[in-house]
Amino acid sequence: MFPRRRRASPPSDWTAAIRRAIERDGNRLRKIAGARDFKKYFGGLSGEQLKTAPRGYAKDHPKIDLLRYKSLVAVHDLKDQDVTDKGFLGHAAKVFKAMKPFEDFLNGAW
């Protein structure tokens, strides 16, 4: 297994665009993160978060739990033997299919 590296936060304009998308359609992101296959392969959303509300947002904003993310990440850990397994390609296809709505949400922020 590869060691986890500290992830750098995305540029501030990306973060701002994603926060605007969360404001517009955060319930869609909640639905994506709560989907059975997304939870199965990724466990949920992860990423570095602010301890308080981001600048310009109220602490009691209804989507503050999502707005506090500095970066949004979906992580699916694999072991070396998983990658060499004969069923890996099928497994990878399922993982990418589960990730696609999340990717679409992030890419749609622009």
C-alpha atoms as a PDB file:
ATOM      1  CA  MET A   1       0.000   0.000   0.000  1.00  0.00           C
ATOM      2  CA  PHE A   2       1.282   3.462  -0.853  1.00  0.00           C
ATOM      3  CA  PRO A   3       1.770   5.879   2.038  1.00  0.00           C
ATOM      4  CA  ARG A   4      -0.758   8.689   2.209  1.00  0.00           C
ATOM      5  CA  ARG A   5       0.590  12.079   1.345  1.00  0.00           C
ATOM      6  CA  ARG A   6      -0.577  15.392   2.618  1.00  0.00           C
ATOM      7  CA  ARG A   7      -2.888  16.826  -0.001  1.00  0.00           C
ATOM      8  CA  ALA A   8      -2.522  20.420  -1.045  1.00  0.00           C
ATOM      9  CA  SER A   9      -5.644  22.537  -1.052  1.00  0.00           C
ATOM     10  CA  PRO A  10      -6.962  23.560  -4.451  1.00  0.00           C
ATOM     11  CA  PRO A  11      -6.503  27.155  -5.620  1.00  0.00           C
ATOM     12  CA  SER A  12      -8.818  29.618  -3.895  1.00  0.00           C
ATOM     13  CA  ASP A  13     -10.840  30.298  -7.062  1.00  0.00           C
ATOM     14  CA  TRP A  14     -11.617  26.578  -7.335  1.00  0.00           C
ATOM     15  CA  THR A  15     -12.679  26.432  -3.700  1.00  0.00           C
ATOM     16  CA  ALA A  16     -14.887  29.498  -4.193  1.00  0.00           C
ATOM     17  CA  ALA A  17     -16.535  27.946  -7.274  1.00  0.00           C
ATOM     18  CA  ILE A  18     -17.189  24.685  -5.434  1.00  0.00           C
ATOM     19  CA  ARG A  19     -18.676  26.572  -2.473  1.00  0.00           C
ATOM     20  CA  ARG A  20     -21.004  28.445  -4.844  1.00  0.00           C
ATOM     21  CA  ALA A  21     -22.056  25.083  -6.319  1.00  0.00           C
ATOM     22  CA  ILE A  22     -22.695  23.788  -2.794  1.00  0.00           C
ATOM     23  CA  GLU A  23     -24.828  26.844  -2.053  1.00  0.00           C
ATOM     24  CA  ARG A  24     -26.843  26.259  -5.254  1.00  0.00           C
ATOM     25  CA  ASP A  25     -27.115  22.498  -5.080  1.00  0.00           C
ATOM     26  CA  GLY A  26     -25.617  21.149  -1.860  1.00  0.00           C
ATOM     27  CA  ASN A  27     -28.482  18.701  -1.481  1.00  0.00           C
ATOM     28  CA  ARG A  28     -27.317  17.016  -4.687  1.00  0.00           C
ATOM     29  CA  LEU A  29     -23.838  16.638  -3.194  1.00  0.00           C
ATOM     30  CA  ARG A  30     -25.365  15.151  -0.029  1.00  0.00           C
ATOM     31  CA  LYS A  31     -27.296  12.678  -2.173  1.00  0.00           C
ATOM     32  CA  ILE A  32     -24.128  11.737  -4.093  1.00  0.00           C
ATOM     33  CA  ALA A  33     -22.110  11.246  -0.888  1.00  0.00           C
ATOM     34  CA  GLY A  34     -24.928   9.243   0.673  1.00  0.00           C
ATOM     35  CA  ALA A  35     -25.421   6.900  -2.279  1.00  0.00           C
ATOM     36  CA  ARG A  36     -24.948   3.240  -1.408  1.00  0.00           C
ATOM     37  CA  ASP A  37     -22.074   2.594  -3.835  1.00  0.00           C
ATOM     38  CA  PHE A  38     -20.303   5.863  -3.014  1.00  0.00           C
ATOM     39  CA  LYS A  39     -20.342   4.958   0.673  1.00  0.00           C
ATOM     40  CA  LYS A  40     -19.296   1.387  -0.135  1.00  0.00           C
ATOM     41  CA  TYR A  41     -16.192   2.407  -2.081  1.00  0.00           C
ATOM     42  CA  PHE A  42     -15.276   5.738  -0.472  1.00  0.00           C
ATOM     43  CA  GLY A  43     -16.926   5.721   2.937  1.00  0.00           C
ATOM     44  CA  GLY A  44     -18.136   9.268   2.325  1.00  0.00           C
ATOM     45  CA  LEU A  45     -16.554  12.600   1.593  1.00  0.00           C
ATOM     46  CA  SER A  46     -13.153  13.444   2.968  1.00  0.00           C
ATOM     47  CA  GLY A  47     -10.746  16.306   2.718  1.00  0.00           C
ATOM     48  CA  GLU A  48      -9.267  19.095   4.764  1.00  0.00           C
ATOM     49  CA  GLN A  49     -11.834  21.241   6.565  1.00  0.00           C
ATOM     50  CA  LEU A  50     -11.900  24.607   8.240  1.00  0.00           C
ATOM     51  CA  LYS A  51     -12.637  24.587  11.962  1.00  0.00           C
ATOM     52  CA  THR A  52     -15.085  27.471  11.552  1.00  0.00           C
ATOM     53  CA  ALA A  53     -17.283  28.874   8.804  1.00  0.00           C
ATOM     54  CA  PRO A  54     -15.445  30.109   5.720  1.00  0.00           C
ATOM     55  CA  ARG A  55     -15.260  33.857   5.265  1.00  0.00           C
ATOM     56  CA  GLY A  56     -18.562  35.227   4.028  1.00  0.00           C
ATOM     57  CA  TYR A  57     -20.698  32.352   5.366  1.00  0.00           C
ATOM     58  CA  ALA A  58     -22.763  32.265   8.549  1.00  0.00           C
ATOM     59  CA  LYS A  59     -21.840  29.668  11.159  1.00  0.00           C
ATOM     60  CA  ASP A  60     -25.440  28.415  11.087  1.00  0.00           C
ATOM     61  CA  HIS A  61     -25.669  28.146   7.276  1.00  0.00           C
ATOM     62  CA  PRO A  62     -27.756  25.041   6.445  1.00  0.00           C
ATOM     63  CA  LYS A  63     -24.898  23.620   4.341  1.00  0.00           C
ATOM     64  CA  ILE A  64     -22.036  24.679   6.619  1.00  0.00           C
ATOM     65  CA  ASP A  65     -20.854  21.072   7.009  1.00  0.00           C
ATOM     66  CA  LEU A  66     -20.121  21.010   3.266  1.00  0.00           C
ATOM     67  CA  LEU A  67     -18.968  24.622   2.966  1.00  0.00           C
ATOM     68  CA  ARG A  68     -16.224  24.079   5.571  1.00  0.00           C
ATOM     69  CA  TYR A  69     -14.314  21.773   3.202  1.00  0.00           C
ATOM     70  CA  LYS A  70     -11.126  23.313   1.846  1.00  0.00           C
ATOM     71  CA  SER A  71     -10.840  20.328  -0.475  1.00  0.00           C
ATOM     72  CA  LEU A  72     -13.269  17.535  -1.305  1.00  0.00           C
ATOM     73  CA  VAL A  73     -11.775  14.110  -1.857  1.00  0.00           C
ATOM     74  CA  ALA A  74     -13.061  10.610  -2.534  1.00  0.00           C
ATOM     75  CA  VAL A  75     -10.483   8.011  -1.482  1.00  0.00           C
ATOM     76  CA  HIS A  76     -10.596   4.308  -2.285  1.00  0.00           C
ATOM     77  CA  ASP A  77      -7.655   2.450  -0.799  1.00  0.00           C
ATOM     78  CA  LEU A  78      -6.169  -0.558  -2.565  1.00  0.00           C
ATOM     79  CA  LYS A  79      -3.514  -3.038  -1.638  1.00  0.00           C
ATOM     80  CA  ASP A  80      -0.861  -4.137  -4.120  1.00  0.00           C
ATOM     81  CA  GLN A  81      -2.516  -7.540  -4.534  1.00  0.00           C
ATOM     82  CA  ASP A  82      -5.847  -5.867  -5.364  1.00  0.00           C
ATOM     83  CA  VAL A  83      -4.297  -4.288  -8.447  1.00  0.00           C
ATOM     84  CA  THR A  84      -2.856  -7.573  -9.709  1.00  0.00           C
ATOM     85  CA  ASP A  85      -6.054  -9.542  -9.027  1.00  0.00           C
ATOM     86  CA  LYS A  86      -7.799 -10.897 -12.141  1.00  0.00           C
ATOM     87  CA  GLY A  87     -10.991  -9.093 -11.113  1.00  0.00           C
ATOM     88  CA  PHE A  88      -9.329  -5.698 -10.786  1.00  0.00           C
ATOM     89  CA  LEU A  89     -10.640  -4.188 -14.016  1.00  0.00           C
ATOM     90  CA  GLY A  90     -14.224  -5.003 -13.069  1.00  0.00           C
ATOM     91  CA  HIS A  91     -13.662  -3.613  -9.597  1.00  0.00           C
ATOM     92  CA  ALA A  92     -12.095  -0.429 -10.993  1.00  0.00           C
ATOM     93  CA  ALA A  93     -15.063   0.061 -13.329  1.00  0.00           C
ATOM     94  CA  LYS A  94     -17.469  -0.152 -10.367  1.00  0.00           C
ATOM     95  CA  VAL A  95     -15.395   2.305  -8.343  1.00  0.00           C
ATOM     96  CA  PHE A  96     -15.219   4.818 -11.195  1.00  0.00           C
ATOM     97  CA  LYS A  97     -18.948   4.451 -11.837  1.00  0.00           C
ATOM     98  CA  ALA A  98     -19.629   5.242  -8.169  1.00  0.00           C
ATOM     99  CA  MET A  99     -17.290   8.259  -8.366  1.00  0.00           C
ATOM    100  CA  LYS A 100     -18.703   9.729 -11.606  1.00  0.00           C
ATOM    101  CA  PRO A 101     -21.578  11.752 -10.043  1.00  0.00           C
ATOM    102  CA  PHE A 102     -19.096  13.285  -7.575  1.00  0.00           C
ATOM    103  CA  GLU A 103     -16.746  14.190 -10.412  1.00  0.00           C
ATOM    104  CA  ASP A 104     -19.661  15.667 -12.376  1.00  0.00           C
ATOM    105  CA  PHE A 105     -20.663  17.812  -9.396  1.00  0.00           C
ATOM    106  CA  LEU A 106     -17.125  19.171  -8.976  1.00  0.00           C
ATOM    107  CA  ASN A 107     -16.630  19.776 -12.697  1.00  0.00           C
ATOM    108  CA  GLY A 108     -20.051  21.443 -12.909  1.00  0.00           C
ATOM    109  CA  ALA A 109     -18.950  24.044 -10.364  1.00  0.00           C
ATOM    110  CA  TRP A 110     -17.351  25.989 -13.207  1.00  0.00           C
END
